[in-house]
Protein backbone atom coordinates (compact mmCIF):
# COMPACT_ATOMS: atom_id res chain seq x y z
CA MET A 1 -29.57 5.31 -4.12
CA MET A 2 -27.89 1.99 -4.91
CA ASN A 3 -28.89 -1.16 -3.02
CA LYS A 4 -27.24 -2.42 0.16
CA SER A 5 -25.47 -5.29 -1.57
CA THR A 6 -23.79 -2.96 -4.07
CA ILE A 7 -22.79 -0.58 -1.29
CA SER A 8 -21.32 -3.43 0.72
CA GLN A 9 -19.34 -4.68 -2.26
CA ILE A 10 -17.95 -1.23 -3.06
CA LEU A 11 -16.91 -0.64 0.55
CA ALA A 12 -15.14 -4.02 0.64
CA LEU A 13 -13.43 -3.19 -2.64
CA ILE A 14 -12.16 0.15 -1.36
CA HIS A 15 -10.91 -1.32 1.92
CA ARG A 16 -9.03 -3.98 0.00
CA GLU A 17 -7.51 -1.64 -2.60
CA VAL A 18 -6.69 1.43 -0.48
CA VAL A 19 -4.17 0.23 2.11
CA PRO A 20 -0.95 1.45 3.76
CA ALA A 21 2.39 0.52 2.19
CA ILE A 22 6.03 1.19 3.04
CA GLY A 23 8.23 1.33 -0.02
CA CYS A 24 7.52 0.54 -3.65
CA THR A 25 4.93 -2.22 -3.79
CA GLU A 26 6.77 -4.49 -6.25
CA PRO A 27 9.98 -5.12 -4.27
CA VAL A 28 7.96 -5.09 -1.04
CA ALA A 29 5.65 -7.75 -2.46
CA VAL A 30 8.73 -9.85 -3.30
CA ALA A 31 9.92 -9.33 0.28
CA LEU A 32 6.48 -10.45 1.46
CA ALA A 33 6.76 -13.68 -0.54
CA ALA A 34 10.25 -14.24 0.87
CA SER A 35 8.99 -13.73 4.41
CA LYS A 36 6.22 -16.27 3.86
CA ALA A 37 8.72 -18.76 2.38
CA ARG A 38 11.00 -18.37 5.40
CA GLU A 39 8.01 -18.74 7.76
CA THR A 40 6.93 -21.91 5.95
CA LEU A 41 10.46 -23.34 5.93
CA GLY A 42 10.76 -22.63 9.65
CA VAL A 43 14.42 -21.62 9.54
CA LEU A 44 16.55 -18.99 7.84
CA PRO A 45 17.25 -20.32 4.33
CA GLU A 46 20.77 -20.81 3.06
CA LYS A 47 19.70 -20.30 -0.56
CA ILE A 48 16.80 -18.35 -2.09
CA GLU A 49 15.62 -18.65 -5.68
CA VAL A 50 13.27 -15.97 -6.99
CA TYR A 51 11.31 -16.10 -10.25
CA LEU A 52 9.50 -12.95 -11.38
CA SER A 53 7.26 -11.78 -14.19
CA ALA A 54 8.66 -9.10 -16.48
CA ASN A 55 6.50 -6.34 -15.01
CA ILE A 56 7.50 -7.13 -11.43
CA LEU A 57 11.16 -7.20 -12.46
CA LYS A 58 10.79 -3.90 -14.31
CA ASN A 59 9.21 -2.14 -11.34
CA ALA A 60 11.76 -3.38 -8.82
CA MET A 61 15.07 -2.70 -10.54
CA GLY A 62 15.79 0.93 -9.78
CA VAL A 63 13.72 1.84 -6.74
CA GLY A 64 14.97 2.52 -3.22
CA ILE A 65 14.26 -0.07 -0.52
CA PRO A 66 12.97 1.59 2.68
CA GLY A 67 15.51 2.18 5.40
CA THR A 68 18.44 0.59 3.54
CA GLY A 69 20.00 3.27 1.37
CA MET A 70 20.04 0.60 -1.35
CA THR A 71 18.10 -0.04 -4.52
CA GLY A 72 16.73 -3.17 -6.11
CA LEU A 73 15.57 -6.63 -5.16
CA PRO A 74 18.37 -8.58 -3.45
CA ILE A 75 18.32 -6.58 -0.22
CA ALA A 76 14.51 -6.60 -0.14
CA ILE A 77 14.50 -10.40 -0.44
CA ALA A 78 17.15 -10.80 2.25
CA LEU A 79 15.29 -8.56 4.66
CA GLY A 80 12.01 -10.30 3.92
CA CYS A 81 13.63 -13.53 5.09
CA LEU A 82 15.32 -11.94 8.09
CA ILE A 83 12.73 -9.64 9.66
CA GLY A 84 9.64 -9.78 7.45
CA LYS A 85 6.30 -10.77 8.94
CA PRO A 86 3.66 -11.89 6.41
CA ALA A 87 0.86 -10.53 8.61
CA TYR A 88 2.12 -6.99 7.97
CA GLY A 89 1.29 -7.18 4.26
CA LEU A 90 2.83 -4.26 2.36
CA GLU A 91 4.39 -3.03 5.60
CA VAL A 92 6.36 -6.27 5.82
CA LEU A 93 9.70 -4.49 6.35
CA LYS A 94 8.56 -2.04 9.04
CA GLU A 95 10.58 -3.70 11.84
CA LEU A 96 13.92 -3.13 10.11
CA THR A 97 16.90 -2.66 12.43
CA PRO A 98 20.53 -1.72 11.73
CA GLU A 99 21.56 -5.24 12.78
CA ALA A 100 19.13 -6.84 10.32
CA LEU A 101 20.33 -4.53 7.54
CA ALA A 102 23.94 -5.56 8.16
CA GLU A 103 22.96 -9.22 8.11
CA GLY A 104 20.92 -8.69 4.95
CA LYS A 105 23.86 -7.07 3.19
CA GLY A 106 25.90 -10.11 4.16
CA MET A 107 23.35 -12.43 2.55
CA VAL A 108 23.52 -10.39 -0.65
CA ASP A 109 27.33 -10.32 -0.67
CA GLU A 110 27.42 -14.10 -0.16
CA LYS A 111 25.32 -14.49 -3.32
CA ARG A 112 22.71 -16.61 -1.56
CA ILE A 113 19.96 -15.04 -3.68
CA THR A 114 19.32 -15.65 -7.38
CA ILE A 115 16.69 -13.77 -9.38
CA SER A 116 15.36 -14.89 -12.76
CA LEU A 117 12.72 -13.84 -15.25
CA LYS A 118 9.69 -16.18 -15.42
CA GLU A 119 8.10 -16.35 -18.86
CA GLU A 120 4.44 -16.93 -19.76
CA VAL A 121 2.92 -16.02 -16.40
CA ASP A 122 0.62 -13.25 -15.21
CA LYS A 123 2.01 -9.73 -15.23
CA LEU A 124 1.98 -9.84 -11.44
CA TYR A 125 3.79 -13.05 -10.56
CA ILE A 126 6.29 -13.69 -7.76
CA GLU A 127 7.70 -17.11 -6.88
CA VAL A 128 10.17 -17.64 -4.06
CA VAL A 129 11.82 -20.96 -3.25
CA ALA A 130 13.75 -21.04 0.03
CA HIS A 131 16.21 -23.90 0.70
CA LYS A 132 17.87 -25.21 3.85
CA GLY A 133 19.71 -28.51 3.59
CA GLY A 134 17.31 -30.94 1.92
CA ASP A 135 14.22 -28.92 2.86
CA TYR A 136 12.52 -26.29 0.77
CA ALA A 137 9.46 -24.03 0.80
CA ARG A 138 7.81 -22.53 -2.27
CA VAL A 139 5.51 -19.47 -2.20
CA ILE A 140 3.71 -17.83 -5.11
CA ILE A 141 2.05 -14.41 -5.08
CA SER A 142 -0.03 -13.58 -8.14
CA ARG A 143 -2.73 -11.20 -9.35
CA GLU A 144 -2.49 -8.93 -6.29
CA HIS A 145 0.58 -7.76 -4.42
CA THR A 146 -0.51 -9.31 -1.12
CA HIS A 147 -2.44 -12.32 -2.37
CA ILE A 148 -0.53 -15.50 -1.55
CA ALA A 149 -1.83 -17.98 -4.10
CA TYR A 150 0.30 -21.04 -3.38
CA VAL A 151 2.35 -22.42 -0.49
CA GLU A 152 4.29 -25.70 -0.59
CA LYS A 153 6.81 -27.36 1.71
CA ASN A 154 8.87 -30.38 0.71
CA GLY A 155 6.32 -31.40 -1.91
CA GLU A 156 3.29 -30.99 0.36
CA VAL A 157 0.82 -28.36 -0.87
CA LEU A 158 -0.31 -26.27 2.11
CA GLU A 159 -2.33 -23.68 0.18
CA ASP A 160 -3.46 -23.53 -3.44
CA ARG A 161 -5.83 -20.77 -4.52
CA ARG A 162 -4.85 -20.72 -8.16
CA SER A 163 -7.53 -20.98 -10.82
CA PRO A 164 -7.14 -23.62 -13.54
CA GLU A 165 -8.50 -21.13 -16.07
CA VAL A 166 -5.82 -18.49 -15.57
CA LYS A 167 -2.28 -18.28 -14.30
CA GLY A 168 -3.40 -16.71 -11.05
CA GLU A 169 -6.38 -17.58 -8.95
CA SER A 170 -10.06 -16.87 -8.64
CA ARG A 171 -10.96 -13.42 -7.48
CA PRO A 172 -12.81 -12.71 -4.24
CA ALA A 173 -16.54 -12.16 -4.47
CA GLU A 174 -16.14 -8.38 -4.32
CA ASP A 175 -14.49 -8.40 -7.73
CA GLU A 176 -17.70 -9.64 -9.31
CA LEU A 177 -18.95 -6.07 -9.07
CA LYS A 178 -17.95 -4.19 -12.20
CA LEU A 179 -17.89 -0.47 -11.61
CA THR A 180 -19.17 2.16 -14.02
CA TYR A 181 -18.87 5.92 -14.06
CA ASP A 182 -22.46 6.29 -12.84
CA THR A 183 -21.83 3.91 -9.95
CA VAL A 184 -18.63 5.66 -8.92
CA TYR A 185 -20.23 9.10 -9.09
CA ALA A 186 -23.35 8.05 -7.19
CA PHE A 187 -21.38 6.33 -4.44
CA ALA A 188 -19.04 9.26 -3.87
CA THR A 189 -21.71 11.95 -3.93
CA GLU A 190 -24.67 10.21 -2.25
CA MET A 191 -23.32 7.96 0.49
CA PRO A 192 -23.90 9.08 4.09
CA LEU A 193 -20.79 10.95 5.16
CA ASP A 194 -20.05 8.80 8.20
CA ASP A 195 -19.91 5.70 5.99
CA ILE A 196 -17.09 7.08 3.84
CA ARG A 197 -15.26 9.31 6.31
CA PHE A 198 -12.51 6.69 6.54
CA ILE A 199 -11.12 7.95 3.22
CA LEU A 200 -9.66 10.92 5.14
CA ARG A 201 -6.99 8.50 6.33
CA THR A 202 -5.47 8.70 2.86
CA ALA A 203 -5.04 12.44 3.25
CA GLU A 204 -3.53 12.10 6.72
CA LEU A 205 -0.97 9.47 5.75
CA ASN A 206 0.05 10.87 2.37
CA ARG A 207 0.31 14.44 3.67
CA LYS A 208 2.81 13.24 6.29
CA ALA A 209 4.89 11.65 3.54
CA ALA A 210 4.95 14.93 1.61
CA GLU A 211 5.86 16.96 4.70
CA SER A 212 8.67 14.56 5.60
CA SER A 213 10.00 14.78 2.06
CA MET A 214 10.06 18.57 2.06
CA ARG A 215 12.22 18.47 5.20
CA GLY A 216 14.71 16.09 3.60
CA SER A 217 16.45 15.55 0.29
CA TYR A 218 14.95 12.59 -1.53
CA GLY A 219 15.34 11.43 -5.11
CA HIS A 220 15.40 14.29 -7.59
CA THR A 221 13.69 16.62 -5.07
CA VAL A 222 11.00 17.46 -7.63
CA GLY A 223 8.61 18.65 -4.93
CA ARG A 224 11.17 20.91 -3.30
CA ILE A 225 12.25 22.38 -6.64
CA ILE A 226 8.67 23.30 -7.61
CA GLY A 227 8.13 24.84 -4.18
CA GLY A 228 11.59 26.42 -4.02
CA ASP A 229 13.19 29.60 -5.31
CA TYR A 230 13.22 28.67 -9.00
CA GLY A 231 9.72 27.27 -8.84
CA LYS A 232 8.31 30.38 -7.19
CA ARG A 233 10.24 32.69 -9.49
CA TYR A 234 9.13 31.08 -12.75
CA MET A 235 5.93 29.22 -11.86
CA GLY A 236 4.61 31.31 -8.98
CA ASP A 237 3.10 30.29 -5.66
CA THR A 238 -0.46 29.26 -6.49
CA PRO A 239 -2.94 26.46 -5.77
CA TYR A 240 -1.59 24.82 -8.91
CA THR A 241 2.09 24.88 -7.92
CA ARG A 242 1.34 23.91 -4.32
CA MET A 243 -0.59 20.92 -5.62
CA LEU A 244 2.32 19.87 -7.85
CA SER A 245 4.88 20.37 -5.09
CA MET A 246 3.00 18.41 -2.40
CA THR A 247 2.25 15.45 -4.66
CA ALA A 248 5.71 15.21 -6.21
CA ALA A 249 7.35 15.51 -2.79
CA ALA A 250 5.58 12.43 -1.43
CA CYS A 251 6.63 10.52 -4.52
CA ASP A 252 10.24 11.73 -4.15
CA ALA A 253 10.47 10.21 -0.68
CA ARG A 254 8.72 6.98 -1.53
CA MET A 255 10.78 6.22 -4.62
CA ASP A 256 14.02 7.01 -2.79
CA GLY A 257 13.29 4.37 -0.15
CA ALA A 258 12.24 6.57 2.77
CA MET A 259 10.87 4.60 5.72
CA ILE A 260 7.59 6.50 5.42
CA PRO A 261 4.22 4.76 4.98
CA VAL A 262 1.81 5.98 2.31
CA MET A 263 -1.74 5.00 1.46
CA SER A 264 -1.68 3.03 -1.77
CA ASN A 265 -4.41 2.45 -4.35
CA SER A 266 -4.72 -0.77 -6.40
CA GLY A 267 -1.30 -1.97 -5.33
CA SER A 268 0.60 1.25 -6.00
CA GLY A 269 1.76 3.84 -3.51
CA ASN A 270 2.32 6.40 -6.25
CA GLN A 271 -1.25 5.90 -7.44
CA GLY A 272 -2.46 6.44 -3.88
CA ILE A 273 -0.38 9.59 -3.57
CA ALA A 274 -1.51 11.02 -6.92
CA ALA A 275 -5.16 10.21 -6.22
CA THR A 276 -5.00 11.92 -2.82
CA LEU A 277 -2.67 14.89 -2.57
CA PRO A 278 -3.80 17.05 -5.53
CA VAL A 279 -7.35 16.84 -4.17
CA LEU A 280 -6.25 17.57 -0.60
CA SER A 281 -4.02 20.47 -1.61
CA PHE A 282 -6.74 22.08 -3.72
CA ALA A 283 -9.35 21.57 -1.01
CA GLU A 284 -7.15 23.33 1.52
CA ASP A 285 -6.49 26.22 -0.84
CA ILE A 286 -10.19 26.85 -1.43
CA GLN A 287 -11.06 26.10 2.22
CA CYS A 288 -13.96 23.88 1.19
CA GLY A 289 -14.75 22.14 4.45
CA GLU A 290 -14.81 18.48 5.40
CA GLU A 291 -17.74 17.08 3.43
CA PRO A 292 -16.60 18.22 -0.03
CA LEU A 293 -13.09 16.92 0.73
CA ILE A 294 -14.37 13.50 1.79
CA ARG A 295 -16.55 13.17 -1.31
CA ALA A 296 -13.82 14.42 -3.65
CA LEU A 297 -11.28 11.99 -2.19
CA MET A 298 -13.74 9.12 -2.47
CA LEU A 299 -14.54 10.06 -6.07
CA SER A 300 -10.84 10.16 -6.94
CA HIS A 301 -9.89 6.88 -5.27
CA LEU A 302 -12.90 4.94 -6.53
CA MET A 303 -12.33 6.24 -10.06
CA VAL A 304 -8.78 4.87 -9.94
CA ILE A 305 -10.07 1.49 -8.75
CA TYR A 306 -12.63 1.49 -11.57
CA ILE A 307 -10.05 2.19 -14.28
CA LYS A 308 -7.64 -0.39 -12.86
CA GLN A 309 -10.34 -3.08 -12.99
CA SER A 310 -9.92 -3.31 -16.75
CA LEU A 311 -6.33 -2.07 -17.06
CA GLY A 312 -4.90 -4.60 -14.60
CA ARG A 313 -2.47 -4.25 -11.73
CA LEU A 314 0.62 -3.78 -13.93
CA SER A 315 0.85 -2.58 -17.51
CA ALA A 316 2.96 -0.62 -19.98
CA LEU A 317 0.89 2.45 -19.15
CA CYS A 318 2.24 4.68 -16.37
CA GLY A 319 0.01 4.53 -13.30
CA CYS A 320 0.07 8.30 -12.98
CA VAL A 321 -2.24 8.47 -16.01
CA VAL A 322 -4.88 6.56 -14.05
CA ALA A 323 -4.29 8.20 -10.68
CA SER A 324 -4.23 11.76 -12.00
CA THR A 325 -7.46 11.04 -13.88
CA GLY A 326 -8.97 10.20 -10.50
CA ALA A 327 -7.51 13.39 -9.07
CA SER A 328 -8.97 15.43 -11.91
CA THR A 329 -12.48 14.17 -11.07
CA GLY A 330 -11.98 15.17 -7.43
CA ILE A 331 -10.67 18.61 -8.37
CA THR A 332 -13.55 19.20 -10.78
CA TYR A 333 -16.01 18.21 -8.06
CA LEU A 334 -14.41 20.70 -5.66
CA MET A 335 -14.67 23.40 -8.33
CA GLY A 336 -18.42 22.81 -8.28
CA GLY A 337 -18.49 20.65 -11.38
CA SER A 338 -21.61 18.71 -12.32
CA ARG A 339 -21.74 14.98 -13.08
CA GLU A 340 -21.39 15.85 -16.78
CA GLN A 341 -18.48 18.23 -16.25
CA ILE A 342 -16.63 15.61 -14.21
CA SER A 343 -17.04 13.21 -17.15
CA TYR A 344 -15.56 15.96 -19.36
CA ALA A 345 -12.48 16.04 -17.14
CA ILE A 346 -12.03 12.29 -17.59
CA LYS A 347 -12.23 12.57 -21.37
CA ASN A 348 -9.78 15.47 -21.38
CA MET A 349 -7.32 13.42 -19.33
CA ILE A 350 -7.56 10.40 -21.62
CA ALA A 351 -7.12 12.58 -24.70
CA ASN A 352 -3.96 14.14 -23.26
CA LEU A 353 -1.95 11.60 -21.25
CA THR A 354 -2.71 8.23 -22.85
CA GLY A 355 0.50 6.55 -23.97
CA MET A 356 2.86 7.64 -21.19
CA ILE A 357 5.05 4.58 -20.66
CA CYS A 358 5.89 2.82 -17.44
CA ASP A 359 9.62 2.16 -17.37
CA GLY A 360 9.70 0.87 -13.82
CA ALA A 361 9.55 2.35 -10.35
CA LYS A 362 12.36 4.82 -9.68
CA PRO A 363 13.02 8.37 -8.38
CA SER A 364 12.08 10.01 -11.68
CA CYS A 365 8.49 8.79 -11.20
CA ALA A 366 8.01 12.04 -9.28
CA MET A 367 8.43 13.94 -12.56
CA LYS A 368 5.73 11.86 -14.24
CA VAL A 369 3.44 12.33 -11.27
CA ALA A 370 3.94 16.11 -11.56
CA SER A 371 3.05 15.93 -15.26
CA GLY A 372 -0.08 13.96 -14.43
CA VAL A 373 -1.18 16.40 -11.74
CA SER A 374 -0.55 19.34 -14.07
CA THR A 375 -2.80 17.73 -16.68
CA ALA A 376 -5.41 16.98 -14.00
CA MET A 377 -5.71 20.69 -13.20
CA LEU A 378 -5.85 21.69 -16.87
CA SER A 379 -8.51 19.06 -17.59
CA ALA A 380 -10.62 20.22 -14.65
CA MET A 381 -10.42 23.88 -15.69
CA MET A 382 -11.41 23.01 -19.24
CA ALA A 383 -14.32 20.92 -17.97
CA MET A 384 -15.59 23.81 -15.86
CA GLU A 385 -15.62 25.90 -19.03
CA ASN A 386 -17.60 23.06 -20.70
CA LYS A 387 -14.66 22.32 -22.98
CA VAL A 388 -14.27 18.63 -23.72
CA VAL A 389 -12.40 16.57 -26.30
CA THR A 390 -15.12 15.21 -28.56
CA SER A 391 -15.85 11.80 -30.05
CA VAL A 392 -14.52 12.87 -33.47
CA GLU A 393 -11.07 13.32 -31.91
CA GLY A 394 -8.77 10.34 -31.50
CA ILE A 395 -9.70 7.64 -28.98
CA ILE A 396 -12.42 9.60 -27.18
CA ASP A 397 -15.97 8.24 -27.34
CA GLU A 398 -19.23 10.04 -26.62
CA ASP A 399 -19.75 7.61 -23.74
CA VAL A 400 -17.31 8.17 -20.85
CA ASP A 401 -17.20 4.48 -19.91
CA LYS A 402 -16.27 3.60 -23.49
CA SER A 403 -13.55 6.26 -23.43
CA ILE A 404 -12.13 4.62 -20.29
CA ALA A 405 -12.32 1.21 -21.99
CA ASN A 406 -10.38 2.62 -24.94
CA LEU A 407 -7.68 3.88 -22.57
CA THR A 408 -7.36 0.56 -20.76
CA SER A 409 -7.36 -1.44 -24.01
CA ILE A 410 -4.42 0.60 -25.25
CA GLY A 411 -2.62 0.21 -21.93
CA SER A 412 -3.23 -3.51 -21.44
CA THR A 413 -3.16 -4.79 -25.04
CA GLY A 414 -1.97 -2.13 -27.47
CA MET A 415 1.19 -1.28 -25.53
CA GLU A 416 2.33 -4.89 -25.01
CA PRO A 417 5.14 -4.55 -27.58
CA THR A 418 6.20 -1.33 -25.84
CA ASP A 419 6.34 -3.19 -22.53
CA ARG A 420 8.58 -5.87 -23.99
CA LEU A 421 10.92 -3.31 -25.56
CA VAL A 422 11.13 -1.29 -22.33
CA LEU A 423 12.00 -4.43 -20.37
CA SER A 424 14.62 -5.39 -22.94
CA ILE A 425 16.26 -1.99 -22.64
CA MET A 426 16.19 -2.13 -18.84
CA THR A 427 17.47 -5.68 -18.47
CA GLY A 428 20.31 -4.77 -20.79
CA LYS A 429 21.48 -2.39 -18.06
CA PHE A 430 20.74 -4.49 -14.97
CA LYS A 431 21.46 -8.17 -14.51
CA TYR A 432 20.67 -9.96 -11.25
CA SER A 433 21.04 -13.66 -12.02
CA GLU A 434 24.47 -15.20 -11.90
């Protein structure tokens, strides 16, 4: 068993990365920065300037803002200033009222908000400058969606946690721990159950999101279509289709701006959904009991955190590739898979899904999530038959950690030109700045 220090670091890492969120994390993080700027200014600003990295801009253009019936950043920024409380983190907009929404729409219509692209900064970079008369407050969030790196008022620096080495800031001590496949597997399968039981909260929260979605009509209703008449007629009613339907449904609601909290992973609600619900759905179908479910969920979520350590918070690679890889490990575990077979599932996932682009957060993300979950099930079944993509094929290496490194190198470095082209295409359609 690993030592107490390692256990403590992993637990801290999970508690930091697996947290509740309402709405897509990118526009909500911008709302969080706006709420902190307003708090620092002390009054409602008359003008708000927002400067964003390309990846933040990309992920915030076409997604629904919870409780508003609107998409995009301006209304999120306005509401962050009006009703946002920084202490709520990614639930910053949870106290939305009809009156606040009406006032927020007024701020948008009055063109009090300007949004611009900020070049040569971290992929996760948000800067909000709030003005009132001759006073101003500046807030910067970087590296993590809830990590306020810099606060300034009228030239006085109130907080500065940026690192001189990088355009961000130094990481907390927990980040010094670099996960490996062996560490992830050992933690999930060997920890005393009571120490990791908290991971069931992901299942509770994300299941509610899926159930709410199935009762409504959100986004492209991918979940309802898979579980509906056409889905049952042509795809059947099986553990596989129920898994797809449940997971896609939660994503449908979240991307359409439903006021429904989900448990996120590594700054993404969709990653939290896709790491949780395929595992939960499969566990319920096979009636596996509580302990296997807890360990499978922990394996899935910690695997996502591990992969994201080297991929980064935001990239050109769709997050469903990472999250469904986590789900595939959990499903394989529930099928009775060995440590080696679970590593086979990871390799099968990387061989299949690598290269799926991220073109921002939007309702059609539910389709990509469904594709990821479908591949997760296929990869798990192949692994249980001891079928694995070998090291003579493509980017797969004999070593599973090296295979993961190959995936994240492609996503973080190799797909950079793709990211720029995607952003160019998207910004050609949407223009916020005056």
